[in-house]
PDB file of N, CA and C in Angstrom:
ATOM      1  N   MET A   1      11.323  -0.526  69.389  1.00  0.00           N
ATOM      2  CA  MET A   1      10.880  -0.955  68.074  1.00  0.00           C
ATOM      3  C   MET A   1      12.046  -1.676  67.403  1.00  0.00           C
ATOM      4  N   ASN A   2      11.777  -2.897  66.920  1.00  0.00           N
ATOM      5  CA  ASN A   2      12.872  -3.635  66.278  1.00  0.00           C
ATOM      6  C   ASN A   2      13.053  -3.180  64.831  1.00  0.00           C
ATOM      7  N   LEU A   3      14.183  -3.547  64.260  1.00  0.00           N
ATOM      8  CA  LEU A   3      14.544  -3.099  62.916  1.00  0.00           C
ATOM      9  C   LEU A   3      13.567  -3.599  61.858  1.00  0.00           C
ATOM     10  N   GLY A   4      13.128  -4.849  61.972  1.00  0.00           N
ATOM     11  CA  GLY A   4      12.184  -5.406  61.005  1.00  0.00           C
ATOM     12  C   GLY A   4      10.874  -4.645  60.984  1.00  0.00           C
ATOM     13  N   PHE A   5      10.379  -4.308  62.159  1.00  0.00           N
ATOM     14  CA  PHE A   5       9.117  -3.571  62.252  1.00  0.00           C
ATOM     15  C   PHE A   5       9.286  -2.148  61.714  1.00  0.00           C
ATOM     16  N   ALA A   6      10.414  -1.519  61.999  1.00  0.00           N
ATOM     17  CA  ALA A   6      10.683  -0.176  61.471  1.00  0.00           C
ATOM     18  C   ALA A   6      10.750  -0.208  59.945  1.00  0.00           C
ATOM     19  N   LEU A   7      11.376  -1.234  59.390  1.00  0.00           N
ATOM     20  CA  LEU A   7      11.438  -1.390  57.934  1.00  0.00           C
ATOM     21  C   LEU A   7      10.036  -1.578  57.365  1.00  0.00           C
ATOM     22  N   HIS A   8       9.226  -2.367  58.033  1.00  0.00           N
ATOM     23  CA  HIS A   8       7.836  -2.590  57.607  1.00  0.00           C
ATOM     24  C   HIS A   8       7.076  -1.268  57.521  1.00  0.00           C
ATOM     25  N   LEU A   9       7.189  -0.449  58.541  1.00  0.00           N
ATOM     26  CA  LEU A   9       6.503   0.848  58.540  1.00  0.00           C
ATOM     27  C   LEU A   9       7.032   1.751  57.425  1.00  0.00           C
ATOM     28  N   PHE A  10       8.337   1.759  57.234  1.00  0.00           N
ATOM     29  CA  PHE A  10       8.946   2.566  56.184  1.00  0.00           C
ATOM     30  C   PHE A  10       8.448   2.134  54.804  1.00  0.00           C
ATOM     31  N   LEU A  11       8.338   0.826  54.581  1.00  0.00           N
ATOM     32  CA  LEU A  11       7.874   0.326  53.286  1.00  0.00           C
ATOM     33  C   LEU A  11       6.418   0.705  53.012  1.00  0.00           C
ATOM     34  N   HIS A  12       5.611   0.821  54.074  1.00  0.00           N
ATOM     35  CA  HIS A  12       4.221   1.245  53.903  1.00  0.00           C
ATOM     36  C   HIS A  12       4.138   2.668  53.333  1.00  0.00           C
ATOM     37  N   LEU A  13       5.159   3.450  53.525  1.00  0.00           N
ATOM     38  CA  LEU A  13       5.214   4.793  52.944  1.00  0.00           C
ATOM     39  C   LEU A  13       5.950   4.793  51.609  1.00  0.00           C
ATOM     40  N   LEU A  14       7.072   4.071  51.547  1.00  0.00           N
ATOM     41  CA  LEU A  14       7.921   4.092  50.358  1.00  0.00           C
ATOM     42  C   LEU A  14       7.280   3.431  49.139  1.00  0.00           C
ATOM     43  N   VAL A  15       6.656   2.281  49.302  1.00  0.00           N
ATOM     44  CA  VAL A  15       6.136   1.543  48.150  1.00  0.00           C
ATOM     45  C   VAL A  15       5.019   2.318  47.438  1.00  0.00           C
ATOM     46  N   PRO A  16       4.002   2.836  48.136  1.00  0.00           N
ATOM     47  CA  PRO A  16       3.000   3.634  47.411  1.00  0.00           C
ATOM     48  C   PRO A  16       3.613   4.859  46.729  1.00  0.00           C
ATOM     49  N   LEU A  17       4.572   5.474  47.378  1.00  0.00           N
ATOM     50  CA  LEU A  17       5.260   6.627  46.799  1.00  0.00           C
ATOM     51  C   LEU A  17       5.980   6.229  45.508  1.00  0.00           C
ATOM     52  N   ALA A  18       6.680   5.115  45.531  1.00  0.00           N
ATOM     53  CA  ALA A  18       7.401   4.634  44.349  1.00  0.00           C
ATOM     54  C   ALA A  18       6.447   4.239  43.227  1.00  0.00           C
ATOM     55  N   VAL A  19       5.350   3.570  43.569  1.00  0.00           N
ATOM     56  CA  VAL A  19       4.368   3.186  42.548  1.00  0.00           C
ATOM     57  C   VAL A  19       3.773   4.441  41.903  1.00  0.00           C
ATOM     58  N   ALA A  20       3.458   5.434  42.714  1.00  0.00           N
ATOM     59  CA  ALA A  20       2.926   6.695  42.171  1.00  0.00           C
ATOM     60  C   ALA A  20       3.948   7.362  41.260  1.00  0.00           C
ATOM     61  N   TRP A  21       5.212   7.340  41.658  1.00  0.00           N
ATOM     62  CA  TRP A  21       6.269   7.986  40.871  1.00  0.00           C
ATOM     63  C   TRP A  21       6.479   7.284  39.527  1.00  0.00           C
ATOM     64  N   PHE A  22       6.530   5.983  39.543  1.00  0.00           N
ATOM     65  CA  PHE A  22       6.837   5.245  38.320  1.00  0.00           C
ATOM     66  C   PHE A  22       5.640   5.034  37.389  1.00  0.00           C
ATOM     67  N   PHE A  23       4.431   4.946  37.943  1.00  0.00           N
ATOM     68  CA  PHE A  23       3.285   4.591  37.111  1.00  0.00           C
ATOM     69  C   PHE A  23       2.218   5.685  36.992  1.00  0.00           C
ATOM     70  N   PHE A  24       2.228   6.649  37.887  1.00  0.00           N
ATOM     71  CA  PHE A  24       1.200   7.688  37.872  1.00  0.00           C
ATOM     72  C   PHE A  24       1.830   9.073  38.031  1.00  0.00           C
ATOM     73  N   ARG A  25       2.947   9.291  37.373  1.00  0.00           N
ATOM     74  CA  ARG A  25       3.702  10.530  37.560  1.00  0.00           C
ATOM     75  C   ARG A  25       2.882  11.772  37.203  1.00  0.00           C
ATOM     76  N   ALA A  26       2.015  11.670  36.194  1.00  0.00           N
ATOM     77  CA  ALA A  26       1.209  12.826  35.787  1.00  0.00           C
ATOM     78  C   ALA A  26       0.274  13.279  36.905  1.00  0.00           C
ATOM     79  N   GLU A  27      -0.113  12.353  37.752  1.00  0.00           N
ATOM     80  CA  GLU A  27      -0.981  12.678  38.887  1.00  0.00           C
ATOM     81  C   GLU A  27      -0.344  12.194  40.186  1.00  0.00           C
ATOM     82  N   PHE A  28       0.938  12.468  40.318  1.00  0.00           N
ATOM     83  CA  PHE A  28       1.754  11.938  41.406  1.00  0.00           C
ATOM     84  C   PHE A  28       1.170  12.224  42.793  1.00  0.00           C
ATOM     85  N   ARG A  29       0.848  13.464  43.065  1.00  0.00           N
ATOM     86  CA  ARG A  29       0.362  13.833  44.407  1.00  0.00           C
ATOM     87  C   ARG A  29      -0.942  13.105  44.740  1.00  0.00           C
ATOM     88  N   ARG A  30      -1.885  13.158  43.797  1.00  0.00           N
ATOM     89  CA  ARG A  30      -3.188  12.509  44.004  1.00  0.00           C
ATOM     90  C   ARG A  30      -3.014  11.001  44.166  1.00  0.00           C
ATOM     91  N   ALA A  31      -2.208  10.411  43.300  1.00  0.00           N
ATOM     92  CA  ALA A  31      -1.980   8.964  43.359  1.00  0.00           C
ATOM     93  C   ALA A  31      -1.346   8.570  44.686  1.00  0.00           C
ATOM     94  N   THR A  32      -0.362   9.321  45.112  1.00  0.00           N
ATOM     95  CA  THR A  32       0.306   9.025  46.383  1.00  0.00           C
ATOM     96  C   THR A  32      -0.684   9.089  47.540  1.00  0.00           C
ATOM     97  N   LEU A  33      -1.457  10.151  47.604  1.00  0.00           N
ATOM     98  CA  LEU A  33      -2.407  10.313  48.711  1.00  0.00           C
ATOM     99  C   LEU A  33      -3.470   9.219  48.716  1.00  0.00           C
ATOM    100  N   LEU A  34      -3.985   8.878  47.546  1.00  0.00           N
ATOM    101  CA  LEU A  34      -5.017   7.838  47.501  1.00  0.00           C
ATOM    102  C   LEU A  34      -4.453   6.466  47.850  1.00  0.00           C
ATOM    103  N   MET A  35      -3.241   6.176  47.404  1.00  0.00           N
ATOM    104  CA  MET A  35      -2.654   4.885  47.779  1.00  0.00           C
ATOM    105  C   MET A  35      -2.276   4.848  49.256  1.00  0.00           C
ATOM    106  N   LEU A  36      -1.817   5.971  49.783  1.00  0.00           N
ATOM    107  CA  LEU A  36      -1.521   6.016  51.223  1.00  0.00           C
ATOM    108  C   LEU A  36      -2.785   5.890  52.066  1.00  0.00           C
ATOM    109  N   ALA A  37      -3.935   6.205  51.473  1.00  0.00           N
ATOM    110  CA  ALA A  37      -5.207   6.018  52.183  1.00  0.00           C
ATOM    111  C   ALA A  37      -5.414   4.543  52.535  1.00  0.00           C
ATOM    112  N   GLY A  38      -4.711   3.658  51.830  1.00  0.00           N
ATOM    113  CA  GLY A  38      -4.767   2.236  52.176  1.00  0.00           C
ATOM    114  C   GLY A  38      -4.300   1.961  53.589  1.00  0.00           C
ATOM    115  N   LEU A  39      -3.557   2.883  54.163  1.00  0.00           N
ATOM    116  CA  LEU A  39      -3.121   2.744  55.559  1.00  0.00           C
ATOM    117  C   LEU A  39      -4.303   2.804  56.531  1.00  0.00           C
ATOM    118  N   LEU A  40      -5.411   3.362  56.071  1.00  0.00           N
ATOM    119  CA  LEU A  40      -6.579   3.495  56.951  1.00  0.00           C
ATOM    120  C   LEU A  40      -7.150   2.144  57.379  1.00  0.00           C
ATOM    121  N   ILE A  41      -6.841   1.077  56.631  1.00  0.00           N
ATOM    122  CA  ILE A  41      -7.352  -0.216  57.089  1.00  0.00           C
ATOM    123  C   ILE A  41      -6.685  -0.645  58.401  1.00  0.00           C
ATOM    124  N   ASP A  42      -5.626   0.027  58.769  1.00  0.00           N
ATOM    125  CA  ASP A  42      -5.004  -0.272  60.060  1.00  0.00           C
ATOM    126  C   ASP A  42      -5.829   0.250  61.236  1.00  0.00           C
ATOM    127  N   LEU A  43      -6.897   0.973  60.955  1.00  0.00           N
ATOM    128  CA  LEU A  43      -7.785   1.394  62.043  1.00  0.00           C
ATOM    129  C   LEU A  43      -8.395   0.181  62.753  1.00  0.00           C
ATOM    130  N   ASP A  44      -8.447  -0.960  62.054  1.00  0.00           N
ATOM    131  CA  ASP A  44      -8.983  -2.156  62.690  1.00  0.00           C
ATOM    132  C   ASP A  44      -8.103  -2.644  63.842  1.00  0.00           C
ATOM    133  N   HIS A  45      -6.879  -2.162  63.906  1.00  0.00           N
ATOM    134  CA  HIS A  45      -5.998  -2.509  65.033  1.00  0.00           C
ATOM    135  C   HIS A  45      -6.581  -1.975  66.340  1.00  0.00           C
ATOM    136  N   LEU A  46      -7.373  -0.917  66.256  1.00  0.00           N
ATOM    137  CA  LEU A  46      -7.967  -0.341  67.461  1.00  0.00           C
ATOM    138  C   LEU A  46      -8.961  -1.298  68.123  1.00  0.00           C
ATOM    139  N   LEU A  47      -9.448  -2.284  67.370  1.00  0.00           N
ATOM    140  CA  LEU A  47     -10.393  -3.258  67.909  1.00  0.00           C
ATOM    141  C   LEU A  47      -9.695  -4.442  68.579  1.00  0.00           C
ATOM    142  N   ALA A  48      -8.386  -4.541  68.419  1.00  0.00           N
ATOM    143  CA  ALA A  48      -7.628  -5.667  68.986  1.00  0.00           C
ATOM    144  C   ALA A  48      -7.347  -5.435  70.460  1.00  0.00           C
ATOM    145  N   ASP A  49      -7.178  -6.527  71.183  1.00  0.00           N
ATOM    146  CA  ASP A  49      -6.900  -6.463  72.611  1.00  0.00           C
ATOM    147  C   ASP A  49      -5.596  -5.718  72.872  1.00  0.00           C
ATOM    148  N   ARG A  50      -4.586  -6.018  72.113  1.00  0.00           N
ATOM    149  CA  ARG A  50      -3.344  -5.244  72.136  1.00  0.00           C
ATOM    150  C   ARG A  50      -3.281  -4.531  70.793  1.00  0.00           C
ATOM    151  N   ILE A  51      -3.411  -3.214  70.794  1.00  0.00           N
ATOM    152  CA  ILE A  51      -3.523  -2.441  69.560  1.00  0.00           C
ATOM    153  C   ILE A  51      -2.348  -2.675  68.637  1.00  0.00           C
ATOM    154  N   LEU A  52      -1.147  -2.619  69.149  1.00  0.00           N
ATOM    155  CA  LEU A  52       0.037  -2.801  68.325  1.00  0.00           C
ATOM    156  C   LEU A  52       0.875  -3.936  68.891  1.00  0.00           C
ATOM    157  N   ASP A  53       0.977  -4.980  68.120  1.00  0.00           N
ATOM    158  CA  ASP A  53       1.812  -6.115  68.489  1.00  0.00           C
ATOM    159  C   ASP A  53       2.710  -6.407  67.300  1.00  0.00           C
ATOM    160  N   PRO A  54       3.968  -5.984  67.348  1.00  0.00           N
ATOM    161  CA  PRO A  54       4.850  -6.156  66.195  1.00  0.00           C
ATOM    162  C   PRO A  54       5.112  -7.617  65.838  1.00  0.00           C
ATOM    163  N   ASN A  55       4.755  -8.544  66.711  1.00  0.00           N
ATOM    164  CA  ASN A  55       4.965  -9.962  66.435  1.00  0.00           C
ATOM    165  C   ASN A  55       3.703 -10.669  65.957  1.00  0.00           C
ATOM    166  N   ARG A  56       2.610  -9.928  65.801  1.00  0.00           N
ATOM    167  CA  ARG A  56       1.350 -10.520  65.364  1.00  0.00           C
ATOM    168  C   ARG A  56       1.194 -10.316  63.858  1.00  0.00           C
ATOM    169  N   CYS A  57       0.697 -11.333  63.197  1.00  0.00           N
ATOM    170  CA  CYS A  57       0.418 -11.235  61.763  1.00  0.00           C
ATOM    171  C   CYS A  57      -0.950 -10.574  61.587  1.00  0.00           C
ATOM    172  N   SER A  58      -0.982  -9.426  60.937  1.00  0.00           N
ATOM    173  CA  SER A  58      -2.231  -8.696  60.729  1.00  0.00           C
ATOM    174  C   SER A  58      -3.161  -9.403  59.756  1.00  0.00           C
ATOM    175  N   VAL A  59      -2.585 -10.011  58.719  1.00  0.00           N
ATOM    176  CA  VAL A  59      -3.399 -10.652  57.682  1.00  0.00           C
ATOM    177  C   VAL A  59      -4.098 -11.866  58.284  1.00  0.00           C
ATOM    178  N   GLY A  60      -5.416 -11.843  58.202  1.00  0.00           N
ATOM    179  CA  GLY A  60      -6.214 -12.923  58.760  1.00  0.00           C
ATOM    180  C   GLY A  60      -6.574 -12.722  60.219  1.00  0.00           C
ATOM    181  N   TYR A  61      -5.994 -11.730  60.868  1.00  0.00           N
ATOM    182  CA  TYR A  61      -6.288 -11.482  62.288  1.00  0.00           C
ATOM    183  C   TYR A  61      -7.247 -10.312  62.458  1.00  0.00           C
ATOM    184  N   HIS A  62      -6.911  -9.196  61.877  1.00  0.00           N
ATOM    185  CA  HIS A  62      -7.732  -7.992  62.038  1.00  0.00           C
ATOM    186  C   HIS A  62      -8.888  -7.986  61.043  1.00  0.00           C
ATOM    187  N   LEU A  63      -9.958  -7.312  61.406  1.00  0.00           N
ATOM    188  CA  LEU A  63     -11.190  -7.292  60.618  1.00  0.00           C
ATOM    189  C   LEU A  63     -10.966  -6.887  59.162  1.00  0.00           C
ATOM    190  N   LEU A  64     -10.300  -5.778  58.923  1.00  0.00           N
ATOM    191  CA  LEU A  64     -10.111  -5.289  57.560  1.00  0.00           C
ATOM    192  C   LEU A  64      -8.939  -5.955  56.841  1.00  0.00           C
ATOM    193  N   HIS A  65      -8.271  -6.847  57.536  1.00  0.00           N
ATOM    194  CA  HIS A  65      -7.181  -7.631  56.951  1.00  0.00           C
ATOM    195  C   HIS A  65      -7.637  -9.076  56.710  1.00  0.00           C
ATOM    196  N   ALA A  66      -8.944  -9.304  56.736  1.00  0.00           N
ATOM    197  CA  ALA A  66      -9.503 -10.647  56.586  1.00  0.00           C
ATOM    198  C   ALA A  66      -9.255 -11.180  55.176  1.00  0.00           C
ATOM    199  N   TYR A  67      -9.043 -12.482  55.092  1.00  0.00           N
ATOM    200  CA  TYR A  67      -8.754 -13.109  53.803  1.00  0.00           C
ATOM    201  C   TYR A  67      -9.880 -12.897  52.795  1.00  0.00           C
ATOM    202  N   TRP A  68     -11.124 -12.905  53.266  1.00  0.00           N
ATOM    203  CA  TRP A  68     -12.242 -12.778  52.332  1.00  0.00           C
ATOM    204  C   TRP A  68     -12.333 -11.380  51.722  1.00  0.00           C
ATOM    205  N   LEU A  69     -11.693 -10.375  52.321  1.00  0.00           N
ATOM    206  CA  LEU A  69     -11.706  -9.017  51.772  1.00  0.00           C
ATOM    207  C   LEU A  69     -10.625  -8.798  50.708  1.00  0.00           C
ATOM    208  N   ILE A  70      -9.605  -9.616  50.701  1.00  0.00           N
ATOM    209  CA  ILE A  70      -8.494  -9.420  49.762  1.00  0.00           C
ATOM    210  C   ILE A  70      -8.961  -9.446  48.301  1.00  0.00           C
ATOM    211  N   PRO A  71      -9.828 -10.379  47.887  1.00  0.00           N
ATOM    212  CA  PRO A  71     -10.320 -10.321  46.499  1.00  0.00           C
ATOM    213  C   PRO A  71     -11.063  -9.020  46.190  1.00  0.00           C
ATOM    214  N   LEU A  72     -11.752  -8.466  47.160  1.00  0.00           N
ATOM    215  CA  LEU A  72     -12.429  -7.183  46.959  1.00  0.00           C
ATOM    216  C   LEU A  72     -11.407  -6.072  46.721  1.00  0.00           C
ATOM    217  N   TYR A  73     -10.331  -6.071  47.487  1.00  0.00           N
ATOM    218  CA  TYR A  73      -9.281  -5.070  47.303  1.00  0.00           C
ATOM    219  C   TYR A  73      -8.639  -5.201  45.917  1.00  0.00           C
ATOM    220  N   ILE A  74      -8.445  -6.444  45.481  1.00  0.00           N
ATOM    221  CA  ILE A  74      -7.885  -6.674  44.144  1.00  0.00           C
ATOM    222  C   ILE A  74      -8.854  -6.181  43.076  1.00  0.00           C
ATOM    223  N   LEU A  75     -10.127  -6.466  43.257  1.00  0.00           N
ATOM    224  CA  LEU A  75     -11.149  -5.991  42.308  1.00  0.00           C
ATOM    225  C   LEU A  75     -11.145  -4.467  42.222  1.00  0.00           C
ATOM    226  N   LEU A  76     -11.047  -3.796  43.352  1.00  0.00           N
ATOM    227  CA  LEU A  76     -11.002  -2.326  43.363  1.00  0.00           C
ATOM    228  C   LEU A  76      -9.824  -1.798  42.550  1.00  0.00           C
ATOM    229  N   ALA A  77      -8.716  -2.537  42.545  1.00  0.00           N
ATOM    230  CA  ALA A  77      -7.526  -2.116  41.799  1.00  0.00           C
ATOM    231  C   ALA A  77      -7.733  -2.207  40.284  1.00  0.00           C
ATOM    232  N   PHE A  78      -8.721  -2.970  39.841  1.00  0.00           N
ATOM    233  CA  PHE A  78      -8.989  -3.112  38.413  1.00  0.00           C
ATOM    234  C   PHE A  78     -10.078  -2.176  37.898  1.00  0.00           C
ATOM    235  N   ILE A  79     -10.786  -1.522  38.787  1.00  0.00           N
ATOM    236  CA  ILE A  79     -11.846  -0.594  38.388  1.00  0.00           C
ATOM    237  C   ILE A  79     -11.226   0.801  38.298  1.00  0.00           C
ATOM    238  N   PRO A  80     -11.314   1.451  37.133  1.00  0.00           N
ATOM    239  CA  PRO A  80     -10.622   2.743  36.958  1.00  0.00           C
ATOM    240  C   PRO A  80     -10.922   3.784  38.043  1.00  0.00           C
ATOM    241  N   LYS A  81     -12.152   3.916  38.473  1.00  0.00           N
ATOM    242  CA  LYS A  81     -12.485   4.953  39.462  1.00  0.00           C
ATOM    243  C   LYS A  81     -11.951   4.641  40.860  1.00  0.00           C
ATOM    244  N   THR A  82     -11.678   3.378  41.144  1.00  0.00           N
ATOM    245  CA  THR A  82     -11.192   2.992  42.475  1.00  0.00           C
ATOM    246  C   THR A  82      -9.780   2.411  42.424  1.00  0.00           C
ATOM    247  N   ARG A  83      -9.157   2.498  41.256  1.00  0.00           N
ATOM    248  CA  ARG A  83      -7.854   1.855  41.031  1.00  0.00           C
ATOM    249  C   ARG A  83      -6.807   2.239  42.079  1.00  0.00           C
ATOM    250  N   LEU A  84      -6.669   3.519  42.356  1.00  0.00           N
ATOM    251  CA  LEU A  84      -5.591   3.955  43.260  1.00  0.00           C
ATOM    252  C   LEU A  84      -5.838   3.519  44.698  1.00  0.00           C
ATOM    253  N   ILE A  85      -7.067   3.596  45.141  1.00  0.00           N
ATOM    254  CA  ILE A  85      -7.367   3.123  46.500  1.00  0.00           C
ATOM    255  C   ILE A  85      -7.181   1.610  46.560  1.00  0.00           C
ATOM    256  N   GLY A  86      -7.650   0.912  45.519  1.00  0.00           N
ATOM    257  CA  GLY A  86      -7.466  -0.532  45.463  1.00  0.00           C
ATOM    258  C   GLY A  86      -5.997  -0.920  45.473  1.00  0.00           C
ATOM    259  N   LEU A  87      -5.184  -0.213  44.699  1.00  0.00           N
ATOM    260  CA  LEU A  87      -3.745  -0.485  44.694  1.00  0.00           C
ATOM    261  C   LEU A  87      -3.140  -0.254  46.077  1.00  0.00           C
ATOM    262  N   GLY A  88      -3.555   0.817  46.719  1.00  0.00           N
ATOM    263  CA  GLY A  88      -3.064   1.097  48.071  1.00  0.00           C
ATOM    264  C   GLY A  88      -3.404  -0.024  49.039  1.00  0.00           C
ATOM    265  N   LEU A  89      -4.631  -0.549  48.932  1.00  0.00           N
ATOM    266  CA  LEU A  89      -5.049  -1.647  49.808  1.00  0.00           C
ATOM    267  C   LEU A  89      -4.287  -2.933  49.492  1.00  0.00           C
ATOM    268  N   VAL A  90      -4.109  -3.223  48.209  1.00  0.00           N
ATOM    269  CA  VAL A  90      -3.373  -4.429  47.817  1.00  0.00           C
ATOM    270  C   VAL A  90      -1.907  -4.330  48.258  1.00  0.00           C
ATOM    271  N   ILE A  91      -1.311  -3.175  48.044  1.00  0.00           N
ATOM    272  CA  ILE A  91       0.076  -2.966  48.493  1.00  0.00           C
ATOM    273  C   ILE A  91       0.170  -3.169  50.004  1.00  0.00           C
ATOM    274  N   HIS A  92      -0.773  -2.617  50.726  1.00  0.00           N
ATOM    275  CA  HIS A  92      -0.790  -2.727  52.184  1.00  0.00           C
ATOM    276  C   HIS A  92      -0.854  -4.198  52.614  1.00  0.00           C
ATOM    277  N   ILE A  93      -1.772  -4.957  52.024  1.00  0.00           N
ATOM    278  CA  ILE A  93      -1.931  -6.366  52.390  1.00  0.00           C
ATOM    279  C   ILE A  93      -0.666  -7.156  52.028  1.00  0.00           C
ATOM    280  N   ILE A  94      -0.101  -6.888  50.854  1.00  0.00           N
ATOM    281  CA  ILE A  94       1.128  -7.598  50.450  1.00  0.00           C
ATOM    282  C   ILE A  94       2.259  -7.308  51.430  1.00  0.00           C
ATOM    283  N   LEU A  95       2.413  -6.044  51.806  1.00  0.00           N
ATOM    284  CA  LEU A  95       3.475  -5.693  52.755  1.00  0.00           C
ATOM    285  C   LEU A  95       3.238  -6.325  54.118  1.00  0.00           C
ATOM    286  N   ASP A  96       1.973  -6.380  54.551  1.00  0.00           N
ATOM    287  CA  ASP A  96       1.674  -7.037  55.830  1.00  0.00           C
ATOM    288  C   ASP A  96       1.963  -8.528  55.743  1.00  0.00           C
ATOM    289  N   TRP A  97       1.621  -9.154  54.597  1.00  0.00           N
ATOM    290  CA  TRP A  97       1.892 -10.572  54.432  1.00  0.00           C
ATOM    291  C   TRP A  97       3.404 -10.827  54.423  1.00  0.00           C
ATOM    292  N   LEU A  98       4.158  -9.969  53.738  1.00  0.00           N
ATOM    293  CA  LEU A  98       5.614 -10.113  53.717  1.00  0.00           C
ATOM    294  C   LEU A  98       6.199  -9.981  55.119  1.00  0.00           C
ATOM    295  N   ASP A  99       5.603  -9.114  55.930  1.00  0.00           N
ATOM    296  CA  ASP A  99       6.063  -8.965  57.310  1.00  0.00           C
ATOM    297  C   ASP A  99       5.786 -10.247  58.094  1.00  0.00           C
ATOM    298  N   CYS A 100       4.624 -10.853  57.863  1.00  0.00           N
ATOM    299  CA  CYS A 100       4.310 -12.138  58.510  1.00  0.00           C
ATOM    300  C   CYS A 100       5.326 -13.196  58.095  1.00  0.00           C
ATOM    301  N   TYR A 101       5.633 -13.239  56.814  1.00  0.00           N
ATOM    302  CA  TYR A 101       6.607 -14.194  56.283  1.00  0.00           C
ATOM    303  C   TYR A 101       7.977 -13.966  56.922  1.00  0.00           C
ATOM    304  N   ARG A 102       8.370 -12.706  57.014  1.00  0.00           N
ATOM    305  CA  ARG A 102       9.658 -12.363  57.618  1.00  0.00           C
ATOM    306  C   ARG A 102       9.721 -12.863  59.059  1.00  0.00           C
ATOM    307  N   GLN A 103       8.653 -12.664  59.797  1.00  0.00           N
ATOM    308  CA  GLN A 103       8.639 -13.022  61.209  1.00  0.00           C
ATOM    309  C   GLN A 103       8.588 -14.531  61.414  1.00  0.00           C
ATOM    310  N   HIS A 104       7.636 -15.180  60.738  1.00  0.00           N
ATOM    311  CA  HIS A 104       7.312 -16.567  61.080  1.00  0.00           C
ATOM    312  C   HIS A 104       8.061 -17.599  60.243  1.00  0.00           C
ATOM    313  N   VAL A 105       8.567 -17.230  59.084  1.00  0.00           N
ATOM    314  CA  VAL A 105       9.306 -18.180  58.269  1.00  0.00           C
ATOM    315  C   VAL A 105      10.810 -17.884  58.339  1.00  0.00           C
ATOM    316  N   LEU A 106      11.161 -16.629  58.156  1.00  0.00           N
ATOM    317  CA  LEU A 106      12.579 -16.265  58.181  1.00  0.00           C
ATOM    318  C   LEU A 106      13.102 -16.092  59.598  1.00  0.00           C
ATOM    319  N   GLY A 107      12.186 -15.764  60.538  1.00  0.00           N
ATOM    320  CA  GLY A 107      12.551 -15.710  61.946  1.00  0.00           C
ATOM    321  C   GLY A 107      13.289 -14.480  62.426  1.00  0.00           C
ATOM    322  N   PHE A 108      13.121 -13.352  61.724  1.00  0.00           N
ATOM    323  CA  PHE A 108      13.750 -12.126  62.237  1.00  0.00           C
ATOM    324  C   PHE A 108      12.803 -10.963  62.138  1.00  0.00           C
TER     325      PHE A 108
END
């Protein structure tokens, strides 16, 4: 596992935790768990020919990482009852996009 990919995985845990700590401290545990549920969209990797490819950009490739779903994830983040799950999904997509940028634009 390369360092960039390890950092990517670490950020998938750290960022929702930090958002829960700074913005939802009164319900920290619940907020953390619901935002971490955004990791479940990675189940679509099971449908790929190679389940885990650290050099593949997930955004736009995997079913639940499709571009047309991103506005839905953003909408969920604005609805009070689905806000935390929506935030988790948006955070997940942003981190995956940043990983794509790191790989294909920055080259490491």
